[in-house]
N, C-alpha and C. Protein backbone atom coordinates (compact mmCIF):
# COMPACT_ATOMS: atom_id res chain seq x y z
N UNK A 1 97.09 90.58 100.77
CA UNK A 1 96.22 91.53 101.44
C UNK A 1 97.10 92.67 101.97
N UNK A 2 96.50 93.83 102.12
CA UNK A 2 97.19 95.02 102.58
C UNK A 2 96.76 95.37 103.98
N UNK A 3 97.75 95.56 104.85
CA UNK A 3 97.48 95.95 106.24
C UNK A 3 98.16 97.31 106.44
N UNK A 4 97.32 98.29 106.86
CA UNK A 4 97.83 99.63 107.11
C UNK A 4 97.84 99.83 108.65
N UNK A 5 99.01 100.16 109.16
CA UNK A 5 99.15 100.32 110.61
C UNK A 5 99.52 101.80 110.90
N UNK A 6 98.74 102.43 111.76
CA UNK A 6 99.05 103.79 112.21
C UNK A 6 99.61 103.70 113.63
N UNK A 7 100.85 104.17 113.80
CA UNK A 7 101.52 104.12 115.11
C UNK A 7 102.36 105.36 115.27
N UNK A 8 102.13 106.08 116.36
CA UNK A 8 102.85 107.31 116.67
C UNK A 8 102.82 108.28 115.51
N UNK A 9 101.65 108.40 114.86
CA UNK A 9 101.46 109.37 113.78
C UNK A 9 101.98 108.93 112.44
N UNK A 10 102.59 107.77 112.34
CA UNK A 10 103.11 107.27 111.07
C UNK A 10 102.25 106.13 110.54
N UNK A 11 102.01 106.15 109.23
CA UNK A 11 101.26 105.06 108.61
C UNK A 11 102.24 104.13 107.88
N UNK A 12 102.13 102.86 108.18
CA UNK A 12 102.96 101.86 107.54
C UNK A 12 102.05 100.88 106.79
N UNK A 13 102.36 100.65 105.52
CA UNK A 13 101.60 99.71 104.71
C UNK A 13 102.41 98.46 104.56
N UNK A 14 101.80 97.32 104.91
CA UNK A 14 102.45 96.02 104.79
C UNK A 14 101.57 95.11 103.94
N UNK A 15 102.22 94.26 103.15
CA UNK A 15 101.50 93.31 102.30
C UNK A 15 101.81 91.88 102.73
N UNK A 16 100.77 91.09 102.85
CA UNK A 16 100.92 89.68 103.22
C UNK A 16 100.12 88.81 102.27
N UNK A 17 100.66 87.62 101.97
CA UNK A 17 99.99 86.69 101.05
C UNK A 17 99.04 85.77 101.83
N UNK A 18 99.36 85.49 103.10
CA UNK A 18 98.60 84.54 103.90
C UNK A 18 97.97 85.27 105.10
N UNK A 19 96.90 84.71 105.68
CA UNK A 19 96.38 85.28 106.94
C UNK A 19 97.50 85.36 107.98
N UNK A 20 97.41 86.38 108.80
CA UNK A 20 98.47 86.64 109.80
C UNK A 20 97.82 87.21 111.06
N UNK A 21 98.39 86.88 112.21
CA UNK A 21 97.85 87.43 113.46
C UNK A 21 98.39 88.85 113.67
N UNK A 22 97.65 89.63 114.44
CA UNK A 22 98.09 90.98 114.77
C UNK A 22 99.41 90.90 115.53
N UNK A 23 99.56 89.90 116.39
CA UNK A 23 100.81 89.74 117.15
C UNK A 23 102.01 89.62 116.19
N UNK A 24 101.86 88.84 115.11
CA UNK A 24 102.97 88.73 114.16
C UNK A 24 103.25 90.02 113.41
N UNK A 25 102.20 90.77 113.11
CA UNK A 25 102.41 92.10 112.49
C UNK A 25 103.24 92.97 113.42
N UNK A 26 102.86 92.99 114.69
CA UNK A 26 103.62 93.79 115.68
C UNK A 26 105.05 93.32 115.75
N UNK A 27 105.26 92.02 115.73
CA UNK A 27 106.63 91.46 115.79
C UNK A 27 107.44 91.93 114.59
N UNK A 28 106.84 91.90 113.40
CA UNK A 28 107.55 92.34 112.19
C UNK A 28 107.90 93.84 112.25
N UNK A 29 107.10 94.60 113.05
CA UNK A 29 107.37 96.04 113.19
C UNK A 29 108.26 96.33 114.39
N UNK A 30 108.71 95.27 115.09
CA UNK A 30 109.53 95.43 116.31
C UNK A 30 108.82 96.22 117.39
N UNK A 31 107.53 95.97 117.54
CA UNK A 31 106.73 96.63 118.57
C UNK A 31 106.29 95.58 119.59
N UNK A 32 106.74 95.68 120.83
CA UNK A 32 106.31 94.73 121.86
C UNK A 32 104.80 94.81 122.07
N UNK A 33 104.07 93.73 121.95
CA UNK A 33 102.61 93.77 122.13
C UNK A 33 102.12 94.36 123.43
N UNK A 34 102.94 94.20 124.48
CA UNK A 34 102.51 94.71 125.78
C UNK A 34 102.51 96.21 125.88
N UNK A 35 103.04 96.90 124.84
CA UNK A 35 103.14 98.36 124.88
C UNK A 35 102.02 99.06 124.13
N UNK A 36 101.15 98.31 123.44
CA UNK A 36 100.12 98.95 122.62
C UNK A 36 98.78 98.24 122.73
N UNK A 37 97.71 99.00 122.49
CA UNK A 37 96.39 98.46 122.25
C UNK A 37 96.15 98.52 120.75
N UNK A 38 95.48 97.50 120.23
CA UNK A 38 95.16 97.46 118.79
C UNK A 38 93.72 97.85 118.59
N UNK A 39 93.49 98.85 117.75
CA UNK A 39 92.14 99.35 117.49
C UNK A 39 91.79 99.18 116.01
N UNK A 40 90.64 98.53 115.77
CA UNK A 40 90.11 98.36 114.42
C UNK A 40 88.67 98.86 114.44
N UNK A 41 88.34 99.78 113.56
CA UNK A 41 87.01 100.36 113.49
C UNK A 41 86.53 100.86 114.87
N UNK A 42 87.43 101.56 115.57
CA UNK A 42 87.15 102.14 116.86
C UNK A 42 86.84 101.15 117.99
N UNK A 43 87.26 99.87 117.77
CA UNK A 43 87.10 98.86 118.81
C UNK A 43 88.45 98.21 119.09
N UNK A 44 88.71 98.00 120.38
CA UNK A 44 89.93 97.32 120.75
C UNK A 44 89.80 95.83 120.41
N UNK A 45 90.80 95.29 119.74
CA UNK A 45 90.79 93.88 119.39
C UNK A 45 92.03 93.20 119.96
N UNK A 46 91.92 91.91 120.29
CA UNK A 46 93.09 91.19 120.88
C UNK A 46 94.19 91.00 119.83
N UNK A 47 95.40 90.91 120.33
CA UNK A 47 96.57 90.69 119.45
C UNK A 47 96.53 89.32 118.82
N UNK A 48 95.74 88.42 119.38
CA UNK A 48 95.62 87.07 118.83
C UNK A 48 94.70 87.00 117.61
N UNK A 49 94.02 88.12 117.29
CA UNK A 49 93.09 88.16 116.15
C UNK A 49 93.85 87.88 114.86
N UNK A 50 93.20 87.17 113.94
CA UNK A 50 93.82 86.87 112.64
C UNK A 50 93.28 87.83 111.58
N UNK A 51 94.18 88.34 110.78
CA UNK A 51 93.83 89.24 109.69
C UNK A 51 93.68 88.37 108.42
N UNK A 52 92.50 88.45 107.80
CA UNK A 52 92.21 87.62 106.62
C UNK A 52 92.05 88.45 105.35
N UNK A 53 92.06 89.76 105.48
CA UNK A 53 91.86 90.62 104.32
C UNK A 53 92.40 92.02 104.59
N UNK A 54 92.22 92.92 103.64
CA UNK A 54 92.74 94.29 103.81
C UNK A 54 92.17 94.87 105.12
N UNK A 55 93.03 95.56 105.86
CA UNK A 55 92.62 96.06 107.17
C UNK A 55 93.43 97.28 107.55
N UNK A 56 92.80 98.20 108.27
CA UNK A 56 93.50 99.36 108.82
C UNK A 56 93.49 99.23 110.34
N UNK A 57 94.67 99.32 110.93
CA UNK A 57 94.86 99.15 112.37
C UNK A 57 95.46 100.43 112.95
N UNK A 58 94.96 100.84 114.10
CA UNK A 58 95.56 101.96 114.84
C UNK A 58 96.17 101.35 116.13
N UNK A 59 97.39 101.75 116.44
CA UNK A 59 98.02 101.29 117.66
C UNK A 59 98.07 102.45 118.65
N UNK A 60 97.59 102.21 119.83
CA UNK A 60 97.56 103.21 120.89
C UNK A 60 98.57 102.78 121.96
N UNK A 61 99.48 103.67 122.28
CA UNK A 61 100.51 103.35 123.28
C UNK A 61 99.92 103.29 124.65
N UNK A 62 100.28 102.24 125.38
CA UNK A 62 99.84 102.07 126.76
C UNK A 62 101.02 102.52 127.65
N UNK A 63 100.77 103.50 128.51
CA UNK A 63 101.79 103.98 129.41
C UNK A 63 101.68 103.33 130.75
N UNK A 64 102.80 103.03 131.34
CA UNK A 64 102.81 102.54 132.70
C UNK A 64 104.09 103.02 133.36
N UNK A 65 104.08 103.07 134.62
CA UNK A 65 105.27 103.52 135.31
C UNK A 65 104.94 103.90 136.74
N UNK A 66 105.93 104.32 137.39
CA UNK A 66 105.69 104.64 138.79
C UNK A 66 106.38 105.89 139.21
């Protein structure tokens, strides 16, 4: 299956043979899950969601600080 991830204006295409969680996709991209929201079809989805087929994901950076 093909997973397309848009993050900071860049599109990355990744291919996986088996279902995979969004958290593992983030790990493979070296992106800490606590720094982004995952959006699929204009809805925020949890990082624990499993990807079972072709999917396009948008990552939105979460800012925090003081």
